N, C-alpha and C. Protein backbone atom coordinates (compact mmCIF):
# COMPACT_ATOMS: atom_id res chain seq x y z
N MET A 1 178.46 83.55 -50.78
CA MET A 1 179.05 82.97 -51.97
C MET A 1 180.31 82.19 -51.59
N ALA A 2 180.41 80.96 -52.12
CA ALA A 2 181.56 80.17 -51.83
C ALA A 2 182.80 80.79 -52.50
N ASP A 3 183.92 80.68 -51.89
CA ASP A 3 185.17 81.20 -52.43
C ASP A 3 185.79 80.13 -53.31
N THR A 4 185.75 80.31 -54.64
CA THR A 4 186.25 79.30 -55.55
C THR A 4 187.76 79.30 -55.70
N THR A 5 188.45 80.31 -55.15
CA THR A 5 189.86 80.40 -55.27
C THR A 5 190.64 79.69 -54.15
N PHE A 6 189.92 79.31 -53.13
CA PHE A 6 190.55 78.63 -52.00
C PHE A 6 190.48 77.14 -52.22
N GLU A 7 191.61 76.41 -52.17
CA GLU A 7 191.59 75.00 -52.31
C GLU A 7 192.34 74.28 -51.23
N PHE A 8 191.82 73.22 -50.77
CA PHE A 8 192.46 72.41 -49.76
C PHE A 8 193.43 71.40 -50.47
N GLU A 9 194.38 70.84 -49.68
CA GLU A 9 195.23 69.85 -50.16
C GLU A 9 194.34 68.65 -50.70
N PRO A 10 194.81 67.94 -51.68
CA PRO A 10 193.93 66.79 -52.16
C PRO A 10 193.71 65.79 -51.02
N THR A 11 194.54 65.67 -50.04
CA THR A 11 194.38 64.68 -48.94
C THR A 11 193.53 65.20 -47.82
N SER A 12 192.97 66.42 -47.92
CA SER A 12 192.30 67.04 -46.80
C SER A 12 190.87 66.54 -46.60
N ARG A 13 190.48 66.22 -45.41
CA ARG A 13 189.15 65.85 -45.03
C ARG A 13 188.11 66.97 -45.16
N PHE A 14 188.61 68.17 -45.42
CA PHE A 14 187.78 69.36 -45.63
C PHE A 14 187.43 69.64 -47.01
N GLN A 15 187.75 68.76 -47.93
CA GLN A 15 187.46 68.92 -49.38
C GLN A 15 185.99 69.26 -49.64
N LEU A 16 185.07 68.71 -48.83
CA LEU A 16 183.67 68.94 -49.05
C LEU A 16 183.09 70.08 -48.34
N THR A 17 183.85 70.83 -47.63
CA THR A 17 183.43 71.96 -46.85
C THR A 17 183.58 73.25 -47.62
N ASN A 18 182.47 74.01 -47.70
CA ASN A 18 182.49 75.32 -48.45
C ASN A 18 183.29 76.26 -47.65
N VAL A 19 184.02 77.17 -48.34
CA VAL A 19 184.83 78.18 -47.73
C VAL A 19 184.34 79.53 -48.29
N TYR A 20 184.13 80.50 -47.31
CA TYR A 20 183.66 81.86 -47.71
C TYR A 20 184.74 82.86 -47.39
N ARG A 21 184.73 83.96 -48.16
CA ARG A 21 185.61 85.03 -47.93
C ARG A 21 184.68 86.30 -47.61
N ARG A 22 184.80 86.84 -46.41
CA ARG A 22 184.08 88.03 -46.05
C ARG A 22 185.05 89.00 -45.52
N SER A 23 185.04 90.25 -45.92
CA SER A 23 185.86 91.27 -45.44
C SER A 23 187.32 90.86 -45.42
N GLY A 24 187.75 90.16 -46.42
CA GLY A 24 189.13 89.71 -46.55
C GLY A 24 189.57 88.54 -45.68
N ARG A 25 188.55 87.99 -44.94
CA ARG A 25 188.83 86.88 -43.99
C ARG A 25 188.21 85.64 -44.54
N ILE A 26 188.86 84.52 -44.27
CA ILE A 26 188.36 83.22 -44.78
C ILE A 26 187.49 82.62 -43.67
N HIS A 27 186.29 82.08 -43.99
CA HIS A 27 185.45 81.45 -43.02
C HIS A 27 185.06 80.04 -43.63
N PHE A 28 185.01 79.10 -42.74
CA PHE A 28 184.55 77.75 -43.11
C PHE A 28 183.06 77.67 -43.00
N GLY A 29 182.47 76.97 -43.93
CA GLY A 29 181.02 76.56 -43.82
C GLY A 29 180.94 75.39 -42.88
N ILE A 30 179.74 74.84 -42.88
CA ILE A 30 179.51 73.59 -42.02
C ILE A 30 180.38 72.48 -42.57
N PHE A 31 181.11 71.80 -41.63
CA PHE A 31 181.94 70.71 -42.04
C PHE A 31 181.09 69.54 -42.54
N ARG A 32 181.41 69.13 -43.75
CA ARG A 32 180.73 67.95 -44.35
C ARG A 32 181.77 66.81 -44.35
N SER A 33 181.53 65.94 -43.50
CA SER A 33 182.45 64.77 -43.39
C SER A 33 182.38 63.83 -44.58
N PRO A 34 183.50 63.46 -45.08
CA PRO A 34 183.48 62.45 -46.21
C PRO A 34 182.86 61.16 -45.76
N LYS A 35 182.13 60.50 -46.60
CA LYS A 35 181.48 59.22 -46.32
C LYS A 35 182.29 58.08 -46.98
N ILE A 36 183.11 57.44 -46.14
CA ILE A 36 184.01 56.36 -46.62
C ILE A 36 183.22 55.03 -46.64
N LYS A 37 183.11 54.45 -47.81
CA LYS A 37 182.41 53.14 -47.94
C LYS A 37 183.26 52.03 -47.43
N LEU A 38 182.64 51.21 -46.52
CA LEU A 38 183.31 50.01 -46.09
C LEU A 38 182.60 48.78 -46.64
N GLU A 39 183.33 47.89 -47.24
CA GLU A 39 182.69 46.80 -47.92
C GLU A 39 183.16 45.40 -47.33
N GLY A 40 183.74 45.45 -46.16
CA GLY A 40 184.09 44.19 -45.50
C GLY A 40 185.42 43.60 -45.76
N ASP A 41 186.20 44.20 -46.78
CA ASP A 41 187.46 43.64 -47.10
C ASP A 41 188.60 44.45 -46.59
N GLU A 42 188.36 45.37 -45.66
CA GLU A 42 189.31 46.17 -45.04
C GLU A 42 190.24 45.41 -44.16
N ASP A 43 191.46 45.87 -43.96
CA ASP A 43 192.38 45.32 -43.03
C ASP A 43 192.01 45.76 -41.61
N VAL A 44 192.31 44.92 -40.64
CA VAL A 44 192.09 45.29 -39.23
C VAL A 44 193.44 45.08 -38.52
N VAL A 45 193.89 46.11 -37.82
CA VAL A 45 195.12 46.06 -37.13
C VAL A 45 194.94 46.34 -35.62
N ALA A 46 195.74 45.68 -34.88
CA ALA A 46 195.67 45.94 -33.36
C ALA A 46 196.67 46.96 -32.93
N VAL A 47 196.12 47.82 -32.04
CA VAL A 47 197.04 48.88 -31.40
C VAL A 47 197.93 48.18 -30.40
N THR A 48 199.19 48.46 -30.40
CA THR A 48 200.14 47.98 -29.49
C THR A 48 200.63 49.08 -28.61
N GLU A 49 201.39 48.77 -27.59
CA GLU A 49 201.92 49.77 -26.72
C GLU A 49 202.78 50.80 -27.54
N GLY A 50 203.50 50.31 -28.50
CA GLY A 50 204.37 51.20 -29.23
C GLY A 50 203.57 52.14 -30.24
N THR A 51 202.30 51.82 -30.48
CA THR A 51 201.54 52.62 -31.46
C THR A 51 200.34 53.35 -30.77
N LYS A 52 200.35 53.40 -29.46
CA LYS A 52 199.24 54.06 -28.80
C LYS A 52 199.10 55.51 -29.19
N GLY A 53 197.91 55.88 -29.57
CA GLY A 53 197.61 57.24 -29.96
C GLY A 53 198.14 57.71 -31.27
N GLN A 54 198.69 56.86 -32.12
CA GLN A 54 199.38 57.21 -33.31
C GLN A 54 198.63 56.88 -34.60
N LEU A 55 197.57 57.52 -34.87
CA LEU A 55 196.83 57.25 -36.13
C LEU A 55 197.76 57.49 -37.33
N GLU A 56 198.66 58.45 -37.19
CA GLU A 56 199.56 58.77 -38.31
C GLU A 56 200.43 57.56 -38.69
N THR A 57 200.89 56.84 -37.65
CA THR A 57 201.68 55.64 -37.91
C THR A 57 200.91 54.65 -38.68
N PHE A 58 199.66 54.34 -38.27
CA PHE A 58 198.80 53.46 -39.04
C PHE A 58 198.58 53.88 -40.49
N ALA A 59 198.34 55.16 -40.66
CA ALA A 59 198.11 55.67 -42.03
C ALA A 59 199.37 55.53 -42.83
N TYR A 60 200.54 55.80 -42.29
CA TYR A 60 201.75 55.71 -43.06
C TYR A 60 201.99 54.27 -43.46
N GLU A 61 201.78 53.32 -42.49
CA GLU A 61 201.95 51.93 -42.84
C GLU A 61 201.02 51.40 -43.86
N ALA A 62 199.84 51.93 -43.81
CA ALA A 62 198.71 51.40 -44.76
C ALA A 62 198.84 52.07 -46.16
N TYR A 63 199.09 53.38 -46.14
CA TYR A 63 199.00 54.17 -47.37
C TYR A 63 200.32 54.79 -47.85
N GLY A 64 201.34 54.76 -46.99
CA GLY A 64 202.58 55.42 -47.35
C GLY A 64 202.50 56.88 -47.19
N ASP A 65 201.51 57.41 -46.50
CA ASP A 65 201.23 58.85 -46.32
C ASP A 65 200.47 59.05 -45.00
N GLN A 66 201.07 59.69 -44.11
CA GLN A 66 200.42 59.88 -42.78
C GLN A 66 199.32 60.85 -42.79
N ARG A 67 199.20 61.66 -43.88
CA ARG A 67 198.14 62.69 -44.01
C ARG A 67 196.71 62.06 -44.04
N TYR A 68 196.58 60.82 -44.26
CA TYR A 68 195.29 60.18 -44.28
C TYR A 68 194.87 59.58 -42.97
N PHE A 69 195.61 60.00 -41.90
CA PHE A 69 195.25 59.55 -40.52
C PHE A 69 193.81 59.80 -40.17
N TRP A 70 193.23 60.88 -40.66
CA TRP A 70 191.85 61.19 -40.39
C TRP A 70 190.89 60.15 -40.89
N ALA A 71 191.19 59.51 -41.97
CA ALA A 71 190.25 58.46 -42.54
C ALA A 71 190.12 57.28 -41.61
N ILE A 72 191.25 56.91 -40.98
CA ILE A 72 191.21 55.79 -39.99
C ILE A 72 190.40 56.24 -38.72
N GLY A 73 190.70 57.47 -38.34
CA GLY A 73 189.88 57.94 -37.19
C GLY A 73 188.45 58.09 -37.46
N LEU A 74 188.13 58.51 -38.67
CA LEU A 74 186.68 58.67 -39.06
C LEU A 74 185.93 57.37 -39.03
N VAL A 75 186.48 56.30 -39.67
CA VAL A 75 185.72 54.98 -39.77
C VAL A 75 185.69 54.28 -38.49
N ASN A 76 186.67 54.59 -37.58
CA ASN A 76 186.67 53.98 -36.23
C ASN A 76 186.06 54.81 -35.17
N LYS A 77 185.44 55.99 -35.57
CA LYS A 77 184.81 56.89 -34.65
C LYS A 77 185.69 57.25 -33.52
N ILE A 78 186.86 57.66 -33.83
CA ILE A 78 187.95 58.13 -32.84
C ILE A 78 187.70 59.64 -32.59
N ASN A 79 187.45 59.89 -31.38
CA ASN A 79 187.31 61.38 -30.96
C ASN A 79 188.61 61.92 -30.46
N ASN A 80 189.36 61.16 -29.73
CA ASN A 80 190.58 61.57 -29.17
C ASN A 80 191.65 60.40 -29.24
N PRO A 81 192.56 60.51 -30.15
CA PRO A 81 193.50 59.38 -30.32
C PRO A 81 194.23 58.95 -28.97
N ALA A 82 194.52 59.96 -28.17
CA ALA A 82 195.24 59.64 -26.92
C ALA A 82 194.42 58.66 -25.98
N ASP A 83 193.09 58.90 -26.05
CA ASP A 83 192.18 58.04 -25.19
C ASP A 83 191.67 56.88 -25.97
N ASP A 84 191.48 57.00 -27.24
CA ASP A 84 190.76 55.92 -28.03
C ASP A 84 191.66 54.90 -28.79
N VAL A 85 192.89 55.30 -29.03
CA VAL A 85 193.82 54.44 -29.79
C VAL A 85 194.81 53.89 -28.72
N VAL A 86 194.38 52.84 -28.02
CA VAL A 86 195.14 52.25 -26.94
C VAL A 86 195.34 50.77 -27.16
N PRO A 87 196.33 50.17 -26.57
CA PRO A 87 196.57 48.76 -26.78
C PRO A 87 195.31 47.92 -26.44
N GLY A 88 195.17 46.96 -27.38
CA GLY A 88 193.94 46.09 -27.25
C GLY A 88 192.82 46.49 -28.18
N VAL A 89 192.86 47.71 -28.73
CA VAL A 89 191.84 48.17 -29.63
C VAL A 89 192.19 47.73 -31.05
N ASN A 90 191.24 47.22 -31.79
CA ASN A 90 191.46 46.91 -33.27
C ASN A 90 190.96 48.02 -34.11
N LEU A 91 191.68 48.45 -35.02
CA LEU A 91 191.35 49.52 -35.97
C LEU A 91 191.05 48.98 -37.35
N THR A 92 189.92 49.39 -37.92
CA THR A 92 189.60 49.07 -39.29
C THR A 92 190.32 50.09 -40.18
N ILE A 93 191.08 49.61 -41.19
CA ILE A 93 191.83 50.50 -42.09
C ILE A 93 191.11 50.51 -43.41
N PRO A 94 190.43 51.64 -43.70
CA PRO A 94 189.75 51.68 -45.02
C PRO A 94 190.70 51.60 -46.17
N LYS A 95 190.28 51.07 -47.28
CA LYS A 95 191.02 51.06 -48.55
C LYS A 95 191.30 52.44 -49.01
N LEU A 96 192.51 52.74 -49.45
CA LEU A 96 192.85 54.14 -49.94
C LEU A 96 191.97 54.55 -51.07
N GLU A 97 191.68 53.59 -51.99
CA GLU A 97 190.85 54.04 -53.09
C GLU A 97 189.42 54.51 -52.70
N ARG A 98 188.92 53.91 -51.55
CA ARG A 98 187.68 54.33 -51.05
C ARG A 98 187.76 55.70 -50.35
N VAL A 99 188.86 55.92 -49.71
CA VAL A 99 189.15 57.21 -49.07
C VAL A 99 189.08 58.31 -50.17
N LEU A 100 189.91 58.04 -51.21
CA LEU A 100 189.95 59.00 -52.31
C LEU A 100 188.58 59.25 -52.99
N GLU A 101 187.84 58.16 -53.17
CA GLU A 101 186.53 58.32 -53.72
C GLU A 101 185.63 59.21 -52.85
N SER A 102 185.77 59.11 -51.55
CA SER A 102 184.95 59.90 -50.64
C SER A 102 185.27 61.35 -50.77
N LEU A 103 186.47 61.67 -51.11
CA LEU A 103 186.82 63.02 -51.32
C LEU A 103 186.31 63.65 -52.63
N GLU A 104 186.04 62.85 -53.54
CA GLU A 104 185.47 63.28 -54.85
C GLU A 104 184.03 63.46 -54.90
N GLU A 105 183.33 62.85 -54.01
CA GLU A 105 181.87 62.90 -53.98
C GLU A 105 181.44 64.28 -53.48
N ARG A 106 180.77 65.06 -54.35
CA ARG A 106 180.31 66.37 -53.96
C ARG A 106 178.80 66.49 -54.10
């Protein structure tokens, strides 16, 4: 049975993941990744030496909130920011409204 009393932050990429409580402990169900729609009007930014590995910096500049770093990583298929967010790489920055829509789809 899903724990209906446990809530993630509104900005959390885990919004779609079920949470269970057993024996007083909280357990996560299978992670359901948000599906962020891209429509071709997204901004594309280049990683520079000063922004290497810093998805949070790109999120703050795009959205005014670094907590959405995961959305940029998700649409760009970033596994490890230290290895994948390097100078010369272009990052697609999804529109914030589409990120928020992806969190509401259940």
